[in-house]
Amino acid sequence: MDDDKIRFDGYASGEIAVHRLTGRMPELQRRYGLWIINCSVAGSSSAGSFRNCPVRLFEFYSLSHLISGGGRGWIENGRETDLTPGQAVVIAPGDRNRYGGSDTLPYVEDAVRFCGPAADMMRDAGVISSGIYNLGGVRRLLPLIELAQDPSADAQINANIALQKLLVDLYNEHRRRNTLTPMEELVAEIKSRPDHWWTVEELAEFCNLSTDQLRRNFLRHTGMRPKRYLEELKLRQAAELLVSSLLPIAVVAAKFGYADPYHFSRRFKNLTGVSPERYRREYPGGLADTNQLPSMNSHSPAS
C-alpha cells in the first residue's frame, strides 16, 4: 500500500505479516466516527500472488472488490476458496487472511481501507464481518472513492455515508442469500453474471449436486432445462437493453457472452421472431412485459 497512513511490517518466513495503522484520524472523521484511510482503483497483484502471500493481519477494515482476473482467498476459521469477478473480500481488524491472484490470473481490485468507532459498532452489531461476499459486476466502490479523494468536508461526510450504506447493503444481501434454497441461490448467481456461459458441470458444482441431480432440480425449479434457461434469460435481458440504450448490437451481444454478433442475431431472432435491429425499431418505448416473448423452440436441452 503506497500510503503513509499504513505501514507494512516485515516478516520472517512462517510469521504473520502485520499491516499497521500509523496515520492519525483527521478531526472531521474523528467527530463522525469513521475514517476512509485510503483507496485503490484497479489495483493489481500478479497471477500466482496468492501462493506467495503470507498470512496477514490488518489493524483496520478492508473492503476489496474483485473487478477482473481471478483469485484465491483464505480467512481464518475458513477454507481456501476460488474468487471470481464480482465478489468482495471484507477483512476486519485482527482477522488473519490471505488473498491474491490465482495461478493463472491477476487479482484486479477496487478497494477501500477504513477504521473508526462507527465501524467498530457495525462490527459489534454483526453488520461487518470478515468474509467473501457478492458485490456484483458494477464497480460500486468508484463513486465512494471519488468522494473520498475530494478533501472538502461535504465530500468526506458523503463518502462516509456511502460507505456505511454499501456495508449495510452487503449485510442485507448476504442475509438474503443465506435464506435462499441452493437452487434459488444458483439462479441469483446466474443473473448476476450475464456474460458467463455456465456449463452443467459448473452449475452442479455450485449446488454440490451431481449433474443428473442438477438437471432434475433445475427443471423442477424453473420449468426449463439449464442450457435453455441460460440462453433465454440472456436474450430476454438483451431485449431490455436494446430498447433502453443506444449501445451497438455487437456491444449488447458481448455483454451477454456472445462473441459473434451474427450468432447473437440468429439466436435473438429465434426467440423474438425479429432481428435485434428491427426489435429496437419496433419497441422504441421499451417492452412492458418480457413474458410476452415466445419461448425458444429451436434450442436443444442440456445434454
C-alpha atoms as a PDB file:
ATOM      1  CA  MET A   1       0.000   0.000   0.000  1.00  0.00           C
ATOM      2  CA  ASP A   2       1.549   3.274  -1.105  1.00  0.00           C
ATOM      3  CA  ASP A   3       0.134   5.390   1.711  1.00  0.00           C
ATOM      4  CA  ASP A   4       1.997   6.657   4.774  1.00  0.00           C
ATOM      5  CA  LYS A   5      -1.110   6.134   6.912  1.00  0.00           C
ATOM      6  CA  ILE A   6      -0.494   2.359   6.803  1.00  0.00           C
ATOM      7  CA  ARG A   7       2.797   0.598   7.454  1.00  0.00           C
ATOM      8  CA  PHE A   8       3.620  -2.957   6.445  1.00  0.00           C
ATOM      9  CA  ASP A   9       5.923  -4.656   8.918  1.00  0.00           C
ATOM     10  CA  GLY A  10       8.472  -7.072   7.516  1.00  0.00           C
ATOM     11  CA  TYR A  11       8.186 -10.700   8.489  1.00  0.00           C
ATOM     12  CA  ALA A  12      10.276 -13.825   8.640  1.00  0.00           C
ATOM     13  CA  SER A  13       9.186 -16.937   6.781  1.00  0.00           C
ATOM     14  CA  GLY A  14       6.227 -18.511   8.561  1.00  0.00           C
ATOM     15  CA  GLU A  15       5.382 -15.395  10.591  1.00  0.00           C
ATOM     16  CA  ILE A  16       2.253 -13.265  10.339  1.00  0.00           C
ATOM     17  CA  ALA A  17       2.656 -10.098   8.251  1.00  0.00           C
ATOM     18  CA  VAL A  18       1.093  -7.173  10.129  1.00  0.00           C
ATOM     19  CA  HIS A  19      -0.271  -4.143   8.265  1.00  0.00           C
ATOM     20  CA  ARG A  20      -0.321  -1.403  10.891  1.00  0.00           C
ATOM     21  CA  LEU A  21      -2.310   1.822  11.031  1.00  0.00           C
ATOM     22  CA  THR A  22       0.123   4.672  11.683  1.00  0.00           C
ATOM     23  CA  GLY A  23      -1.748   7.755  10.462  1.00  0.00           C
ATOM     24  CA  ARG A  24      -3.788   9.974  12.758  1.00  0.00           C
ATOM     25  CA  MET A  25      -7.533  10.291  12.203  1.00  0.00           C
ATOM     26  CA  PRO A  26      -8.437  13.815  10.991  1.00  0.00           C
ATOM     27  CA  GLU A  27     -10.692  15.882  13.241  1.00  0.00           C
ATOM     28  CA  LEU A  28     -13.772  15.758  10.975  1.00  0.00           C
ATOM     29  CA  GLN A  29     -13.553  11.984  10.691  1.00  0.00           C
ATOM     30  CA  ARG A  30     -12.902  11.664  14.429  1.00  0.00           C
ATOM     31  CA  ARG A  31     -16.118  13.536  15.184  1.00  0.00           C
ATOM     32  CA  TYR A  32     -18.023  11.444  12.649  1.00  0.00           C
ATOM     33  CA  GLY A  33     -16.500   8.212  13.926  1.00  0.00           C
ATOM     34  CA  LEU A  34     -15.405   6.823  10.572  1.00  0.00           C
ATOM     35  CA  TRP A  35     -12.267   7.369   8.517  1.00  0.00           C
ATOM     36  CA  ILE A  36     -11.642   6.141   4.974  1.00  0.00           C
ATOM     37  CA  ILE A  37      -7.885   5.758   5.257  1.00  0.00           C
ATOM     38  CA  ASN A  38      -7.043   5.156   1.610  1.00  0.00           C
ATOM     39  CA  CYS A  39      -8.390   3.680  -1.610  1.00  0.00           C
ATOM     40  CA  SER A  40      -7.265   1.736  -4.667  1.00  0.00           C
ATOM     41  CA  VAL A  41      -8.706   1.883  -8.186  1.00  0.00           C
ATOM     42  CA  ALA A  42      -7.963  -1.131 -10.403  1.00  0.00           C
ATOM     43  CA  GLY A  43      -5.044  -2.126  -8.193  1.00  0.00           C
ATOM     44  CA  SER A  44      -3.471  -5.356  -9.383  1.00  0.00           C
ATOM     45  CA  SER A  45      -1.496  -8.212  -7.890  1.00  0.00           C
ATOM     46  CA  SER A  46       0.044 -10.657 -10.317  1.00  0.00           C
ATOM     47  CA  ALA A  47      -1.070 -14.142 -11.255  1.00  0.00           C
ATOM     48  CA  GLY A  48       0.200 -16.548  -8.624  1.00  0.00           C
ATOM     49  CA  SER A  49       0.367 -13.878  -5.915  1.00  0.00           C
ATOM     50  CA  PHE A  50      -1.897 -15.876  -3.598  1.00  0.00           C
ATOM     51  CA  ARG A  51       0.719 -18.612  -3.344  1.00  0.00           C
ATOM     52  CA  ASN A  52       3.326 -16.059  -2.278  1.00  0.00           C
ATOM     53  CA  CYS A  53       1.029 -14.135   0.073  1.00  0.00           C
ATOM     54  CA  PRO A  54       1.892 -14.636   3.752  1.00  0.00           C
ATOM     55  CA  VAL A  55      -0.739 -14.921   6.453  1.00  0.00           C
ATOM     56  CA  ARG A  56      -1.633 -11.289   7.173  1.00  0.00           C
ATOM     57  CA  LEU A  57      -3.282  -9.261   9.895  1.00  0.00           C
ATOM     58  CA  PHE A  58      -4.733  -5.771   9.393  1.00  0.00           C
ATOM     59  CA  GLU A  59      -5.172  -3.128  12.103  1.00  0.00           C
ATOM     60  CA  PHE A  60      -8.032  -1.618  10.070  1.00  0.00           C
ATOM     61  CA  TYR A  61     -11.003  -2.730   7.978  1.00  0.00           C
ATOM     62  CA  SER A  62     -10.526  -3.601   4.315  1.00  0.00           C
ATOM     63  CA  LEU A  63     -13.112  -3.988   1.546  1.00  0.00           C
ATOM     64  CA  SER A  64     -11.733  -5.360  -1.736  1.00  0.00           C
ATOM     65  CA  HIS A  65     -13.952  -5.752  -4.818  1.00  0.00           C
ATOM     66  CA  LEU A  66     -12.515  -8.137  -7.427  1.00  0.00           C
ATOM     67  CA  ILE A  67     -13.330  -6.424 -10.731  1.00  0.00           C
ATOM     68  CA  SER A  68     -11.394  -8.606 -13.185  1.00  0.00           C
ATOM     69  CA  GLY A  69      -8.989 -11.503 -13.330  1.00  0.00           C
ATOM     70  CA  GLY A  70      -9.388 -14.144 -10.664  1.00  0.00           C
ATOM     71  CA  GLY A  71      -8.038 -15.155  -7.300  1.00  0.00           C
ATOM     72  CA  ARG A  72      -7.996 -17.348  -4.274  1.00  0.00           C
ATOM     73  CA  GLY A  73      -8.673 -16.360  -0.697  1.00  0.00           C
ATOM     74  CA  TRP A  74      -8.490 -17.631   2.850  1.00  0.00           C
ATOM     75  CA  ILE A  75      -9.856 -16.105   6.057  1.00  0.00           C
ATOM     76  CA  GLU A  76      -9.130 -17.648   9.448  1.00  0.00           C
ATOM     77  CA  ASN A  77     -11.501 -20.403  10.547  1.00  0.00           C
ATOM     78  CA  GLY A  78     -12.378 -20.928   6.891  1.00  0.00           C
ATOM     79  CA  ARG A  79     -11.000 -22.807   3.940  1.00  0.00           C
ATOM     80  CA  GLU A  80      -9.282 -21.669   0.768  1.00  0.00           C
ATOM     81  CA  THR A  81     -11.721 -20.748  -1.981  1.00  0.00           C
ATOM     82  CA  ASP A  82     -11.622 -19.503  -5.551  1.00  0.00           C
ATOM     83  CA  LEU A  83     -12.531 -15.846  -6.103  1.00  0.00           C
ATOM     84  CA  THR A  84     -14.288 -14.598  -9.229  1.00  0.00           C
ATOM     85  CA  PRO A  85     -15.025 -11.082 -10.523  1.00  0.00           C
ATOM     86  CA  GLY A  86     -17.976  -9.553  -8.691  1.00  0.00           C
ATOM     87  CA  GLN A  87     -17.005 -10.989  -5.333  1.00  0.00           C
ATOM     88  CA  ALA A  88     -15.781  -8.824  -2.461  1.00  0.00           C
ATOM     89  CA  VAL A  89     -13.390  -9.698   0.341  1.00  0.00           C
ATOM     90  CA  VAL A  90     -14.101  -7.987   3.671  1.00  0.00           C
ATOM     91  CA  ILE A  91     -11.443  -8.181   6.380  1.00  0.00           C
ATOM     92  CA  ALA A  92     -11.977  -6.880   9.925  1.00  0.00           C
ATOM     93  CA  PRO A  93      -9.088  -5.874  12.220  1.00  0.00           C
ATOM     94  CA  GLY A  94      -7.256  -8.790  13.783  1.00  0.00           C
ATOM     95  CA  ASP A  95      -8.597 -11.491  11.464  1.00  0.00           C
ATOM     96  CA  ARG A  96      -5.837 -13.437   9.733  1.00  0.00           C
ATOM     97  CA  ASN A  97      -6.195 -13.601   5.976  1.00  0.00           C
ATOM     98  CA  ARG A  98      -4.614 -14.302   2.615  1.00  0.00           C
ATOM     99  CA  TYR A  99      -5.899 -13.398  -0.835  1.00  0.00           C
ATOM    100  CA  GLY A 100      -4.395 -12.642  -4.226  1.00  0.00           C
ATOM    101  CA  GLY A 101      -4.135 -13.707  -7.842  1.00  0.00           C
ATOM    102  CA  SER A 102      -4.881 -17.272  -8.873  1.00  0.00           C
ATOM    103  CA  ASP A 103      -2.232 -19.406 -10.534  1.00  0.00           C
ATOM    104  CA  THR A 104      -3.212 -18.089 -13.978  1.00  0.00           C
ATOM    105  CA  LEU A 105      -4.979 -14.743 -13.431  1.00  0.00           C
ATOM    106  CA  PRO A 106      -4.105 -11.443 -11.726  1.00  0.00           C
ATOM    107  CA  TYR A 107      -6.232 -10.108  -8.880  1.00  0.00           C
ATOM    108  CA  VAL A 108      -7.538  -6.688 -10.001  1.00  0.00           C
ATOM    109  CA  GLU A 109      -9.437  -4.770  -7.329  1.00  0.00           C
ATOM    110  CA  ASP A 110     -11.137  -1.582  -6.314  1.00  0.00           C
ATOM    111  CA  ALA A 111     -10.602  -1.286  -2.566  1.00  0.00           C
ATOM    112  CA  VAL A 112     -11.075   0.913   0.481  1.00  0.00           C
ATOM    113  CA  ARG A 113      -9.438   0.700   3.905  1.00  0.00           C
ATOM    114  CA  PHE A 114     -11.204   2.337   6.849  1.00  0.00           C
ATOM    115  CA  CYS A 115     -11.461   2.461  10.640  1.00  0.00           C
ATOM    116  CA  GLY A 116     -13.238   4.211  13.498  1.00  0.00           C
ATOM    117  CA  PRO A 117     -15.755   3.664  16.297  1.00  0.00           C
ATOM    118  CA  ALA A 118     -18.691   3.733  13.846  1.00  0.00           C
ATOM    119  CA  ALA A 119     -17.144   0.786  12.003  1.00  0.00           C
ATOM    120  CA  ASP A 120     -16.471  -0.971  15.318  1.00  0.00           C
ATOM    121  CA  MET A 121     -20.130  -0.584  16.315  1.00  0.00           C
ATOM    122  CA  MET A 122     -21.200  -2.031  12.962  1.00  0.00           C
ATOM    123  CA  ARG A 123     -18.889  -4.966  13.609  1.00  0.00           C
ATOM    124  CA  ASP A 124     -20.285  -5.457  17.122  1.00  0.00           C
ATOM    125  CA  ALA A 125     -23.802  -5.449  15.654  1.00  0.00           C
ATOM    126  CA  GLY A 126     -22.823  -8.079  13.092  1.00  0.00           C
ATOM    127  CA  VAL A 127     -23.124  -5.763  10.083  1.00  0.00           C
ATOM    128  CA  ILE A 128     -19.393  -6.009   9.313  1.00  0.00           C
ATOM    129  CA  SER A 129     -17.685  -9.370   9.491  1.00  0.00           C
ATOM    130  CA  SER A 130     -14.751 -10.884   7.658  1.00  0.00           C
ATOM    131  CA  GLY A 131     -15.870 -12.959   4.709  1.00  0.00           C
ATOM    132  CA  ILE A 132     -16.403 -13.265   0.981  1.00  0.00           C
ATOM    133  CA  TYR A 133     -19.498 -11.505  -0.345  1.00  0.00           C
ATOM    134  CA  ASN A 134     -21.231 -10.981  -3.684  1.00  0.00           C
ATOM    135  CA  LEU A 135     -20.977  -7.320  -4.696  1.00  0.00           C
ATOM    136  CA  GLY A 136     -21.812  -7.819  -8.386  1.00  0.00           C
ATOM    137  CA  GLY A 137     -20.255  -6.697 -11.636  1.00  0.00           C
ATOM    138  CA  VAL A 138     -20.935  -2.958 -11.268  1.00  0.00           C
ATOM    139  CA  ARG A 139     -17.938  -1.121  -9.781  1.00  0.00           C
ATOM    140  CA  ARG A 140     -19.866   0.209  -6.799  1.00  0.00           C
ATOM    141  CA  LEU A 141     -16.800   1.484  -4.955  1.00  0.00           C
ATOM    142  CA  LEU A 142     -15.905   4.043  -7.633  1.00  0.00           C
ATOM    143  CA  PRO A 143     -18.427   6.774  -6.616  1.00  0.00           C
ATOM    144  CA  LEU A 144     -17.425   6.312  -2.984  1.00  0.00           C
ATOM    145  CA  ILE A 145     -13.718   6.535  -3.854  1.00  0.00           C
ATOM    146  CA  GLU A 146     -14.286   9.687  -5.904  1.00  0.00           C
ATOM    147  CA  LEU A 147     -15.914  11.326  -2.880  1.00  0.00           C
ATOM    148  CA  ALA A 148     -13.189  10.103  -0.522  1.00  0.00           C
ATOM    149  CA  GLN A 149     -10.483  11.649  -2.720  1.00  0.00           C
ATOM    150  CA  ASP A 150     -12.166  15.071  -2.515  1.00  0.00           C
ATOM    151  CA  PRO A 151     -10.822  16.818   0.634  1.00  0.00           C
ATOM    152  CA  SER A 152     -13.887  19.040   1.148  1.00  0.00           C
ATOM    153  CA  ALA A 153     -15.933  18.436   4.296  1.00  0.00           C
ATOM    154  CA  ASP A 154     -19.139  17.728   2.361  1.00  0.00           C
ATOM    155  CA  ALA A 155     -17.422  15.141   0.177  1.00  0.00           C
ATOM    156  CA  GLN A 156     -15.791  13.433   3.157  1.00  0.00           C
ATOM    157  CA  ILE A 157     -19.101  13.182   5.032  1.00  0.00           C
ATOM    158  CA  ASN A 158     -20.889  11.861   1.954  1.00  0.00           C
ATOM    159  CA  ALA A 159     -18.106   9.334   1.367  1.00  0.00           C
ATOM    160  CA  ASN A 160     -18.620   8.005   4.890  1.00  0.00           C
ATOM    161  CA  ILE A 161     -22.384   7.826   4.370  1.00  0.00           C
ATOM    162  CA  ALA A 162     -21.879   5.993   1.060  1.00  0.00           C
ATOM    163  CA  LEU A 163     -19.505   3.513   2.708  1.00  0.00           C
ATOM    164  CA  GLN A 164     -21.932   2.786   5.537  1.00  0.00           C
ATOM    165  CA  LYS A 165     -24.784   2.285   3.066  1.00  0.00           C
ATOM    166  CA  LEU A 166     -22.676  -0.104   0.994  1.00  0.00           C
ATOM    167  CA  LEU A 167     -21.736  -2.119   4.074  1.00  0.00           C
ATOM    168  CA  VAL A 168     -25.394  -2.363   5.097  1.00  0.00           C
ATOM    169  CA  ASP A 169     -26.316  -3.422   1.543  1.00  0.00           C
ATOM    170  CA  LEU A 170     -23.665  -6.157   1.680  1.00  0.00           C
ATOM    171  CA  TYR A 171     -25.007  -7.323   5.023  1.00  0.00           C
ATOM    172  CA  ASN A 172     -28.610  -7.425   3.800  1.00  0.00           C
ATOM    173  CA  GLU A 173     -27.685  -9.194   0.560  1.00  0.00           C
ATOM    174  CA  HIS A 174     -25.642 -11.771   2.470  1.00  0.00           C
ATOM    175  CA  ARG A 175     -28.547 -12.415   4.840  1.00  0.00           C
ATOM    176  CA  ARG A 176     -30.948 -12.740   1.917  1.00  0.00           C
ATOM    177  CA  ARG A 177     -28.689 -15.235   0.180  1.00  0.00           C
ATOM    178  CA  ASN A 178     -28.362 -17.258   3.364  1.00  0.00           C
ATOM    179  CA  THR A 179     -32.148 -17.725   3.418  1.00  0.00           C
ATOM    180  CA  LEU A 180     -32.303 -18.910  -0.195  1.00  0.00           C
ATOM    181  CA  THR A 181     -32.510 -22.525  -1.211  1.00  0.00           C
ATOM    182  CA  PRO A 182     -29.451 -23.753  -3.146  1.00  0.00           C
ATOM    183  CA  MET A 183     -31.419 -23.565  -6.399  1.00  0.00           C
ATOM    184  CA  GLU A 184     -32.621 -20.006  -5.666  1.00  0.00           C
ATOM    185  CA  GLU A 185     -29.053 -19.011  -4.867  1.00  0.00           C
ATOM    186  CA  LEU A 186     -27.872 -20.563  -8.134  1.00  0.00           C
ATOM    187  CA  VAL A 187     -30.439 -18.640 -10.178  1.00  0.00           C
ATOM    188  CA  ALA A 188     -29.439 -15.403  -8.413  1.00  0.00           C
ATOM    189  CA  GLU A 189     -25.793 -16.126  -9.244  1.00  0.00           C
ATOM    190  CA  ILE A 190     -26.642 -16.811 -12.892  1.00  0.00           C
ATOM    191  CA  LYS A 191     -28.476 -13.475 -13.131  1.00  0.00           C
ATOM    192  CA  SER A 192     -25.536 -11.629 -11.557  1.00  0.00           C
ATOM    193  CA  ARG A 193     -23.131 -12.872 -14.265  1.00  0.00           C
ATOM    194  CA  PRO A 194     -24.962 -12.282 -17.563  1.00  0.00           C
ATOM    195  CA  ASP A 195     -21.840 -12.638 -19.722  1.00  0.00           C
ATOM    196  CA  HIS A 196     -20.906 -16.095 -18.425  1.00  0.00           C
ATOM    197  CA  TRP A 197     -21.804 -19.309 -20.225  1.00  0.00           C
ATOM    198  CA  TRP A 198     -22.298 -21.811 -17.439  1.00  0.00           C
ATOM    199  CA  THR A 199     -21.656 -25.480 -18.070  1.00  0.00           C
ATOM    200  CA  VAL A 200     -23.906 -28.064 -16.458  1.00  0.00           C
ATOM    201  CA  GLU A 201     -20.851 -29.220 -14.516  1.00  0.00           C
ATOM    202  CA  GLU A 202     -20.310 -25.713 -13.098  1.00  0.00           C
ATOM    203  CA  LEU A 203     -23.962 -25.444 -12.121  1.00  0.00           C
ATOM    204  CA  ALA A 204     -23.847 -28.818 -10.403  1.00  0.00           C
ATOM    205  CA  GLU A 205     -20.648 -27.925  -8.551  1.00  0.00           C
ATOM    206  CA  PHE A 206     -22.192 -24.659  -7.329  1.00  0.00           C
ATOM    207  CA  CYS A 207     -25.052 -26.622  -5.719  1.00  0.00           C
ATOM    208  CA  ASN A 208     -22.873 -29.546  -4.650  1.00  0.00           C
ATOM    209  CA  LEU A 209     -25.005 -31.902  -6.742  1.00  0.00           C
ATOM    210  CA  SER A 210     -24.341 -34.477  -9.418  1.00  0.00           C
ATOM    211  CA  THR A 211     -25.139 -33.346 -12.959  1.00  0.00           C
ATOM    212  CA  ASP A 212     -28.205 -35.614 -13.055  1.00  0.00           C
ATOM    213  CA  GLN A 213     -29.472 -34.205  -9.745  1.00  0.00           C
ATOM    214  CA  LEU A 214     -28.824 -30.684 -11.005  1.00  0.00           C
ATOM    215  CA  ARG A 215     -30.867 -31.248 -14.159  1.00  0.00           C
ATOM    216  CA  ARG A 216     -33.808 -32.675 -12.216  1.00  0.00           C
ATOM    217  CA  ASN A 217     -33.796 -29.963  -9.544  1.00  0.00           C
ATOM    218  CA  PHE A 218     -33.297 -27.173 -12.071  1.00  0.00           C
ATOM    219  CA  LEU A 219     -36.200 -28.398 -14.214  1.00  0.00           C
ATOM    220  CA  ARG A 220     -38.400 -28.643 -11.127  1.00  0.00           C
ATOM    221  CA  HIS A 221     -37.466 -25.102 -10.012  1.00  0.00           C
ATOM    222  CA  THR A 222     -37.580 -23.247 -13.351  1.00  0.00           C
ATOM    223  CA  GLY A 223     -39.629 -25.487 -15.620  1.00  0.00           C
ATOM    224  CA  MET A 224     -36.745 -25.462 -18.112  1.00  0.00           C
ATOM    225  CA  ARG A 225     -33.541 -27.327 -18.884  1.00  0.00           C
ATOM    226  CA  PRO A 226     -30.417 -25.450 -17.716  1.00  0.00           C
ATOM    227  CA  LYS A 227     -28.991 -24.535 -21.129  1.00  0.00           C
ATOM    228  CA  ARG A 228     -32.338 -23.392 -22.465  1.00  0.00           C
ATOM    229  CA  TYR A 229     -32.944 -21.276 -19.356  1.00  0.00           C
ATOM    230  CA  LEU A 230     -29.482 -19.705 -19.611  1.00  0.00           C
ATOM    231  CA  GLU A 231     -29.849 -18.613 -23.208  1.00  0.00           C
ATOM    232  CA  GLU A 232     -33.438 -17.456 -22.912  1.00  0.00           C
ATOM    233  CA  LEU A 233     -32.513 -15.378 -19.852  1.00  0.00           C
ATOM    234  CA  LYS A 234     -29.606 -13.802 -21.748  1.00  0.00           C
ATOM    235  CA  LEU A 235     -31.780 -12.958 -24.740  1.00  0.00           C
ATOM    236  CA  ARG A 236     -34.600 -11.517 -22.624  1.00  0.00           C
ATOM    237  CA  GLN A 237     -32.095  -9.322 -20.779  1.00  0.00           C
ATOM    238  CA  ALA A 238     -30.552  -8.331 -24.111  1.00  0.00           C
ATOM    239  CA  ALA A 239     -34.011  -7.369 -25.404  1.00  0.00           C
ATOM    240  CA  GLU A 240     -34.452  -4.996 -22.477  1.00  0.00           C
ATOM    241  CA  LEU A 241     -31.008  -3.463 -23.068  1.00  0.00           C
ATOM    242  CA  LEU A 242     -31.680  -2.989 -26.778  1.00  0.00           C
ATOM    243  CA  VAL A 243     -34.699  -0.767 -26.130  1.00  0.00           C
ATOM    244  CA  SER A 244     -33.278   1.032 -23.099  1.00  0.00           C
ATOM    245  CA  SER A 245     -29.905   2.025 -24.599  1.00  0.00           C
ATOM    246  CA  LEU A 246     -28.232   3.099 -27.828  1.00  0.00           C
ATOM    247  CA  LEU A 247     -25.417   0.585 -27.497  1.00  0.00           C
ATOM    248  CA  PRO A 248     -24.325  -1.043 -30.774  1.00  0.00           C
ATOM    249  CA  ILE A 249     -25.679  -4.547 -31.361  1.00  0.00           C
ATOM    250  CA  ALA A 250     -22.185  -6.041 -31.062  1.00  0.00           C
ATOM    251  CA  VAL A 251     -21.701  -4.413 -27.646  1.00  0.00           C
ATOM    252  CA  VAL A 252     -25.062  -5.697 -26.413  1.00  0.00           C
ATOM    253  CA  ALA A 253     -24.147  -9.158 -27.674  1.00  0.00           C
ATOM    254  CA  ALA A 254     -20.799  -9.104 -25.867  1.00  0.00           C
ATOM    255  CA  LYS A 255     -22.423  -8.072 -22.588  1.00  0.00           C
ATOM    256  CA  PHE A 256     -24.327 -11.351 -22.634  1.00  0.00           C
ATOM    257  CA  GLY A 257     -21.423 -13.550 -23.669  1.00  0.00           C
ATOM    258  CA  TYR A 258     -21.910 -13.633 -27.441  1.00  0.00           C
ATOM    259  CA  ALA A 259     -18.518 -13.065 -29.066  1.00  0.00           C
ATOM    260  CA  ASP A 260     -20.073 -13.265 -32.546  1.00  0.00           C
ATOM    261  CA  PRO A 261     -22.815 -10.645 -33.083  1.00  0.00           C
ATOM    262  CA  TYR A 262     -24.153 -12.593 -36.082  1.00  0.00           C
ATOM    263  CA  HIS A 263     -24.685 -15.666 -33.925  1.00  0.00           C
ATOM    264  CA  PHE A 264     -26.369 -13.419 -31.343  1.00  0.00           C
ATOM    265  CA  SER A 265     -28.690 -12.034 -34.030  1.00  0.00           C
ATOM    266  CA  ARG A 266     -29.676 -15.525 -35.175  1.00  0.00           C
ATOM    267  CA  ARG A 267     -30.435 -16.697 -31.643  1.00  0.00           C
ATOM    268  CA  PHE A 268     -32.300 -13.456 -30.873  1.00  0.00           C
ATOM    269  CA  LYS A 269     -34.483 -13.900 -33.958  1.00  0.00           C
ATOM    270  CA  ASN A 270     -35.247 -17.473 -32.911  1.00  0.00           C
ATOM    271  CA  LEU A 271     -36.652 -16.115 -29.643  1.00  0.00           C
ATOM    272  CA  THR A 272     -38.451 -12.963 -30.776  1.00  0.00           C
ATOM    273  CA  GLY A 273     -39.176 -13.630 -34.434  1.00  0.00           C
ATOM    274  CA  VAL A 274     -37.360 -10.437 -35.477  1.00  0.00           C
ATOM    275  CA  SER A 275     -33.760  -9.278 -35.715  1.00  0.00           C
ATOM    276  CA  PRO A 276     -32.223  -7.143 -32.938  1.00  0.00           C
ATOM    277  CA  GLU A 277     -32.242  -4.116 -35.271  1.00  0.00           C
ATOM    278  CA  ARG A 278     -35.926  -4.500 -36.080  1.00  0.00           C
ATOM    279  CA  TYR A 279     -36.770  -5.223 -32.461  1.00  0.00           C
ATOM    280  CA  ARG A 280     -35.122  -1.949 -31.411  1.00  0.00           C
ATOM    281  CA  ARG A 281     -37.054  -0.017 -34.078  1.00  0.00           C
ATOM    282  CA  GLU A 282     -40.419  -1.561 -33.251  1.00  0.00           C
ATOM    283  CA  TYR A 283     -40.188  -1.263 -29.464  1.00  0.00           C
ATOM    284  CA  PRO A 284     -38.851   2.314 -29.031  1.00  0.00           C
ATOM    285  CA  GLY A 285     -40.635   2.778 -25.717  1.00  0.00           C
ATOM    286  CA  GLY A 286     -39.370  -0.410 -24.157  1.00  0.00           C
ATOM    287  CA  LEU A 287     -41.029  -3.740 -23.564  1.00  0.00           C
ATOM    288  CA  ALA A 288     -43.751  -3.621 -20.924  1.00  0.00           C
ATOM    289  CA  ASP A 289     -43.783  -7.350 -20.304  1.00  0.00           C
ATOM    290  CA  THR A 290     -40.940  -9.562 -21.493  1.00  0.00           C
ATOM    291  CA  ASN A 291     -43.053 -12.575 -20.535  1.00  0.00           C
ATOM    292  CA  GLN A 292     -44.994 -11.882 -23.732  1.00  0.00           C
ATOM    293  CA  LEU A 293     -41.973 -13.030 -25.717  1.00  0.00           C
ATOM    294  CA  PRO A 294     -42.407 -16.505 -27.183  1.00  0.00           C
ATOM    295  CA  SER A 295     -40.315 -19.332 -25.789  1.00  0.00           C
ATOM    296  CA  MET A 296     -37.487 -20.628 -27.934  1.00  0.00           C
ATOM    297  CA  ASN A 297     -38.369 -23.810 -29.739  1.00  0.00           C
ATOM    298  CA  SER A 298     -35.129 -24.473 -31.562  1.00  0.00           C
ATOM    299  CA  HIS A 299     -32.700 -24.702 -28.659  1.00  0.00           C
ATOM    300  CA  SER A 300     -31.689 -28.161 -27.563  1.00  0.00           C
ATOM    301  CA  PRO A 301     -31.863 -29.058 -23.851  1.00  0.00           C
ATOM    302  CA  ALA A 302     -28.760 -29.707 -21.797  1.00  0.00           C
ATOM    303  CA  SER A 303     -27.119 -32.970 -22.562  1.00  0.00           C
END
